[in-house]
């Protein structure tokens, strides 16, 4: 009897951490109790930890309500999500019709199937919304996109079975994390240039003042005995934010494949920031 497939990210995500996993694991705490993510995205680190059997308990959060509902639907209604995806044709007319629908007038499973389909068939795998919160990515140029991966969706459902999912801003992790826990933050990166901006995950983007608030949340967490890991761009503004005794900064190389422009793809320097309490378990 063949082994069940192990879960992998089921969404493409600008800034997804698949290419950074080995570096993140190298800078992870040796032991931790509950694992927290406050910017879930495609959950690459969570799924890697699941595959390695390193998770006791996990709480996953994101401020993107459609994203969290997609995880909830796969956890709780994976059969219905799979059924819907199996009925979706791959063509521009259907894509544009589905994109135009109000996700909040749909059922949970319909909303999740819409998210997965648009993500896998839209241009370059981008998730982007306008100021009104409407998904506005054009149809992609794919011959046979794999928006229905039944085996992996079922593996993801099993991985999420006992996971708490929260639609909440990153500050809310202060209400959940306790001494001995580990929190990973993967915020929208500080842009490397005026054109390299991937902050449109939800209306309003992510400003430098929010990055400052995030740094302060990291300081508060480590002072209460919580281990913190954060990833961001290797740019002067981020180094200045975390140039404090609580933090260690590690410059690593990572492959980036989702970019609006060809010159924005390839290997780039990224920054992994860690802050571990000295009495961590």
Protein backbone atom coordinates (compact mmCIF):
# COMPACT_ATOMS: atom_id res chain seq x y z
CA UNK A 1 0.00 0.00 0.00
CA UNK A 2 1.49 3.35 -1.06
CA UNK A 3 2.01 6.09 1.50
CA UNK A 4 -0.35 9.04 1.55
CA UNK A 5 1.02 12.12 -0.22
CA UNK A 6 2.46 14.81 2.01
CA UNK A 7 0.94 18.31 1.90
CA UNK A 8 2.40 21.05 -0.27
CA UNK A 9 1.28 24.64 -0.84
CA UNK A 10 -1.83 24.66 -3.05
CA UNK A 11 -1.61 28.33 -4.08
CA UNK A 12 0.93 30.40 -5.95
CA UNK A 13 1.82 33.45 -3.89
CA UNK A 14 4.01 36.45 -4.55
CA UNK A 15 6.66 36.25 -1.86
CA UNK A 16 5.87 32.61 -1.09
CA UNK A 17 8.64 30.95 0.90
CA UNK A 18 9.17 27.68 -0.98
CA UNK A 19 12.62 28.81 -2.15
CA UNK A 20 13.57 30.07 1.30
CA UNK A 21 12.55 27.00 3.33
CA UNK A 22 16.03 25.55 3.89
CA UNK A 23 17.26 28.91 5.21
CA UNK A 24 14.22 29.37 7.45
CA UNK A 25 14.63 25.89 8.93
CA UNK A 26 18.32 26.55 9.52
CA UNK A 27 17.37 29.59 11.60
CA UNK A 28 14.40 28.02 13.42
CA UNK A 29 14.37 27.39 17.17
CA UNK A 30 15.40 23.84 18.08
CA UNK A 31 12.24 23.32 20.14
CA UNK A 32 8.91 25.10 20.37
CA UNK A 33 5.39 24.45 21.56
CA UNK A 34 2.74 26.13 19.38
CA UNK A 35 3.71 27.38 15.93
CA UNK A 36 2.11 30.66 14.78
CA UNK A 37 2.00 32.38 11.39
CA UNK A 38 0.52 35.86 11.12
CA UNK A 39 0.92 36.34 7.33
CA UNK A 40 -0.09 32.91 6.07
CA UNK A 41 0.09 33.32 2.29
CA UNK A 42 0.69 29.92 0.72
CA UNK A 43 1.86 28.43 4.03
CA UNK A 44 5.11 27.02 2.64
CA UNK A 45 6.87 26.90 6.02
CA UNK A 46 3.84 25.41 7.77
CA UNK A 47 3.58 22.61 5.21
CA UNK A 48 7.33 21.96 5.42
CA UNK A 49 7.10 21.62 9.20
CA UNK A 50 4.11 19.30 8.76
CA UNK A 51 6.03 17.08 6.35
CA UNK A 52 8.92 16.92 8.82
CA UNK A 53 6.61 16.00 11.71
CA UNK A 54 7.78 18.98 13.77
CA UNK A 55 4.40 20.45 14.71
CA UNK A 56 2.55 19.83 17.96
CA UNK A 57 0.01 22.59 17.46
CA UNK A 58 -0.40 25.43 14.96
CA UNK A 59 -2.37 28.66 14.74
CA UNK A 60 -2.39 30.22 11.27
CA UNK A 61 -3.62 33.74 10.57
CA UNK A 62 -3.87 36.30 7.81
CA UNK A 63 -5.80 39.52 7.33
CA UNK A 64 -6.94 38.36 3.89
CA UNK A 65 -10.43 36.98 4.59
CA UNK A 66 -10.76 35.18 1.25
CA UNK A 67 -7.45 33.42 1.84
CA UNK A 68 -8.38 32.23 5.33
CA UNK A 69 -11.79 31.08 4.10
CA UNK A 70 -10.04 29.04 1.40
CA UNK A 71 -8.02 27.23 4.05
CA UNK A 72 -11.16 26.73 6.13
CA UNK A 73 -13.05 25.29 3.18
CA UNK A 74 -10.27 22.82 2.41
CA UNK A 75 -10.06 21.81 6.06
CA UNK A 76 -13.81 21.41 6.53
CA UNK A 77 -15.35 20.87 3.05
CA UNK A 78 -12.61 19.46 0.84
CA UNK A 79 -14.97 17.10 -1.04
CA UNK A 80 -17.16 20.00 -2.14
CA UNK A 81 -14.16 22.14 -3.14
CA UNK A 82 -12.83 19.28 -5.28
CA UNK A 83 -16.26 18.70 -6.86
CA UNK A 84 -16.55 22.35 -7.87
CA UNK A 85 -13.02 22.57 -9.30
CA UNK A 86 -13.66 19.44 -11.36
CA UNK A 87 -16.56 21.25 -13.06
CA UNK A 88 -14.64 24.44 -13.91
CA UNK A 89 -13.55 24.75 -17.57
CA UNK A 90 -10.29 26.43 -18.50
CA UNK A 91 -11.10 29.36 -20.76
CA UNK A 92 -10.98 33.13 -20.66
CA UNK A 93 -14.76 33.64 -20.71
CA UNK A 94 -15.31 31.47 -17.65
CA UNK A 95 -12.33 33.05 -15.87
CA UNK A 96 -13.66 36.56 -16.38
CA UNK A 97 -17.19 35.54 -15.40
CA UNK A 98 -15.94 33.91 -12.19
CA UNK A 99 -13.61 36.82 -11.42
CA UNK A 100 -16.56 39.25 -11.70
CA UNK A 101 -18.66 37.35 -9.15
CA UNK A 102 -18.93 38.67 -5.59
CA UNK A 103 -17.13 36.07 -3.42
CA UNK A 104 -19.20 37.11 -0.40
CA UNK A 105 -22.39 36.07 -2.20
CA UNK A 106 -20.98 32.55 -2.58
CA UNK A 107 -20.82 29.59 -0.22
CA UNK A 108 -17.58 28.83 1.64
CA UNK A 109 -16.65 26.00 -0.76
CA UNK A 110 -17.54 28.11 -3.82
CA UNK A 111 -15.41 30.97 -2.52
CA UNK A 112 -12.45 28.62 -2.04
CA UNK A 113 -12.82 27.00 -5.47
CA UNK A 114 -12.97 30.48 -7.02
CA UNK A 115 -9.79 31.53 -5.18
CA UNK A 116 -7.86 28.43 -6.27
CA UNK A 117 -9.06 28.60 -9.89
CA UNK A 118 -8.27 32.30 -10.30
CA UNK A 119 -4.90 31.84 -8.61
CA UNK A 120 -3.87 28.95 -10.87
CA UNK A 121 -5.21 30.39 -14.13
CA UNK A 122 -4.60 34.13 -13.64
CA UNK A 123 -1.60 35.97 -15.03
CA UNK A 124 1.68 34.83 -13.47
CA UNK A 125 0.00 33.46 -10.32
CA UNK A 126 -0.52 36.92 -8.85
CA UNK A 127 -3.03 37.70 -6.11
CA UNK A 128 -3.88 41.37 -6.38
CA UNK A 129 -6.90 43.43 -5.44
CA UNK A 130 -7.86 47.01 -6.20
CA UNK A 131 -8.83 49.66 -3.66
CA UNK A 132 -12.34 48.24 -3.51
CA UNK A 133 -10.99 44.83 -2.64
CA UNK A 134 -11.82 43.32 -6.05
CA UNK A 135 -9.52 40.72 -7.58
CA UNK A 136 -8.21 42.30 -10.79
CA UNK A 137 -5.57 39.98 -12.29
CA UNK A 138 -6.05 39.24 -16.03
CA UNK A 139 -6.37 35.75 -17.53
CA UNK A 140 -3.04 33.91 -17.74
CA UNK A 141 -1.34 32.25 -20.70
CA UNK A 142 -1.36 28.63 -19.55
CA UNK A 143 -2.12 25.63 -21.75
CA UNK A 144 -3.14 23.21 -19.00
CA UNK A 145 -2.98 24.77 -15.51
CA UNK A 146 -3.41 22.29 -12.67
CA UNK A 147 -6.09 23.97 -10.61
CA UNK A 148 -7.47 20.60 -9.49
CA UNK A 149 -4.86 18.59 -7.59
CA UNK A 150 -7.13 16.28 -5.64
CA UNK A 151 -4.40 14.28 -3.91
CA UNK A 152 -2.70 17.40 -2.56
CA UNK A 153 -5.96 19.08 -1.53
CA UNK A 154 -6.82 16.01 0.54
CA UNK A 155 -3.31 16.00 2.04
CA UNK A 156 -3.75 19.69 2.91
CA UNK A 157 -7.12 18.94 4.53
CA UNK A 158 -5.47 16.32 6.74
CA UNK A 159 -2.64 18.72 7.64
CA UNK A 160 -5.18 21.39 8.66
CA UNK A 161 -7.46 19.04 10.60
CA UNK A 162 -6.44 20.29 14.06
CA UNK A 163 -5.18 23.73 13.07
CA UNK A 164 -6.79 26.95 14.29
CA UNK A 165 -7.35 29.46 11.47
CA UNK A 166 -7.82 33.15 12.22
CA UNK A 167 -8.66 36.15 10.05
CA UNK A 168 -6.89 38.83 12.04
CA UNK A 169 -4.22 41.54 11.80
CA UNK A 170 -0.69 40.57 12.76
CA UNK A 171 -0.90 42.32 16.16
CA UNK A 172 -3.48 39.76 17.28
CA UNK A 173 -0.72 37.17 17.69
CA UNK A 174 0.06 38.95 20.99
CA UNK A 175 -3.23 37.59 22.31
CA UNK A 176 -2.40 33.98 21.37
CA UNK A 177 1.34 33.39 21.69
CA UNK A 178 2.79 32.20 25.00
CA UNK A 179 6.28 31.52 26.34
CA UNK A 180 7.88 28.61 24.49
CA UNK A 181 5.95 29.25 21.26
CA UNK A 182 7.43 30.20 17.89
CA UNK A 183 6.03 32.94 15.64
CA UNK A 184 6.96 33.33 11.99
CA UNK A 185 6.19 36.64 10.26
CA UNK A 186 6.30 36.94 6.47
CA UNK A 187 4.91 40.43 5.83
CA UNK A 188 4.61 42.08 2.43
CA UNK A 189 8.21 43.05 1.82
CA UNK A 190 9.57 46.56 1.92
CA UNK A 191 9.93 47.20 -1.85
CA UNK A 192 13.40 47.13 -3.38
CA UNK A 193 12.36 49.88 -5.81
CA UNK A 194 9.34 51.97 -6.72
CA UNK A 195 8.17 49.29 -9.18
CA UNK A 196 8.89 46.19 -7.07
CA UNK A 197 5.84 46.38 -4.84
CA UNK A 198 3.78 43.30 -3.92
CA UNK A 199 1.73 44.77 -1.08
CA UNK A 200 -1.70 44.54 -2.74
CA UNK A 201 -2.82 41.42 -0.87
CA UNK A 202 -5.69 43.42 0.58
CA UNK A 203 -6.88 47.02 0.18
CA UNK A 204 -4.51 49.60 1.62
CA UNK A 205 -1.25 47.70 1.14
CA UNK A 206 1.38 47.59 3.89
CA UNK A 207 3.19 50.80 4.81
CA UNK A 208 6.53 51.46 6.50
CA UNK A 209 4.69 52.52 9.65
CA UNK A 210 3.10 49.05 9.75
CA UNK A 211 6.55 47.51 9.43
CA UNK A 212 7.55 49.58 12.46
CA UNK A 213 4.53 48.28 14.40
CA UNK A 214 5.48 44.75 13.38
CA UNK A 215 8.99 45.25 14.75
CA UNK A 216 7.51 46.42 18.04
CA UNK A 217 5.27 43.33 18.16
CA UNK A 218 8.37 41.17 17.67
CA UNK A 219 10.08 42.91 20.60
CA UNK A 220 7.03 42.40 22.82
CA UNK A 221 6.87 38.71 21.91
CA UNK A 222 10.52 37.92 22.64
CA UNK A 223 10.29 39.75 25.98
CA UNK A 224 7.54 37.35 27.02
CA UNK A 225 9.58 34.29 26.01
CA UNK A 226 8.33 33.71 22.46
CA UNK A 227 10.79 32.87 19.67
CA UNK A 228 10.39 35.04 16.57
CA UNK A 229 11.52 34.59 12.96
CA UNK A 230 10.80 37.19 10.29
CA UNK A 231 11.66 37.43 6.60
CA UNK A 232 11.92 40.59 4.54
CA UNK A 233 13.85 42.23 1.73
CA UNK A 234 17.56 42.86 2.17
CA UNK A 235 17.23 46.64 1.94
CA UNK A 236 18.60 49.44 4.17
CA UNK A 237 15.19 50.34 5.62
CA UNK A 238 14.72 46.83 7.02
CA UNK A 239 18.25 46.70 8.44
CA UNK A 240 17.61 50.01 10.20
CA UNK A 241 14.32 48.74 11.65
CA UNK A 242 15.95 45.65 13.16
CA UNK A 243 19.31 47.11 14.14
CA UNK A 244 18.66 46.38 17.79
CA UNK A 245 20.22 43.99 20.33
CA UNK A 246 17.11 41.75 20.37
CA UNK A 247 17.59 40.74 16.74
CA UNK A 248 20.07 38.75 14.66
CA UNK A 249 20.08 39.44 10.91
CA UNK A 250 21.02 36.82 8.32
CA UNK A 251 21.39 37.64 4.61
CA UNK A 252 20.54 34.67 2.35
CA UNK A 253 20.02 34.06 -1.37
CA UNK A 254 16.59 33.00 -2.68
CA UNK A 255 15.00 32.39 -6.06
CA UNK A 256 12.09 34.64 -6.98
CA UNK A 257 9.81 33.60 -9.86
CA UNK A 258 6.67 35.76 -9.45
CA UNK A 259 7.20 39.27 -10.68
CA UNK A 260 5.38 41.60 -13.03
CA UNK A 261 8.64 42.14 -14.92
CA UNK A 262 11.18 39.59 -16.15
CA UNK A 263 14.10 41.53 -14.61
CA UNK A 264 12.45 41.14 -11.19
CA UNK A 265 12.88 37.36 -11.28
CA UNK A 266 15.92 35.27 -10.39
CA UNK A 267 18.12 35.01 -7.31
CA UNK A 268 18.04 37.91 -4.88
CA UNK A 269 19.29 38.62 -1.38
CA UNK A 270 16.70 38.32 1.36
CA UNK A 271 16.88 38.93 5.08
CA UNK A 272 15.94 36.46 7.81
CA UNK A 273 15.64 38.09 11.23
CA UNK A 274 15.56 36.07 14.43
CA UNK A 275 14.90 36.92 18.06
CA UNK A 276 15.04 33.99 20.46
CA UNK A 277 14.58 34.28 24.23
CA UNK A 278 17.53 32.86 26.12
CA UNK A 279 15.28 30.56 28.17
CA UNK A 280 13.38 29.08 25.19
CA UNK A 281 12.46 25.40 25.71
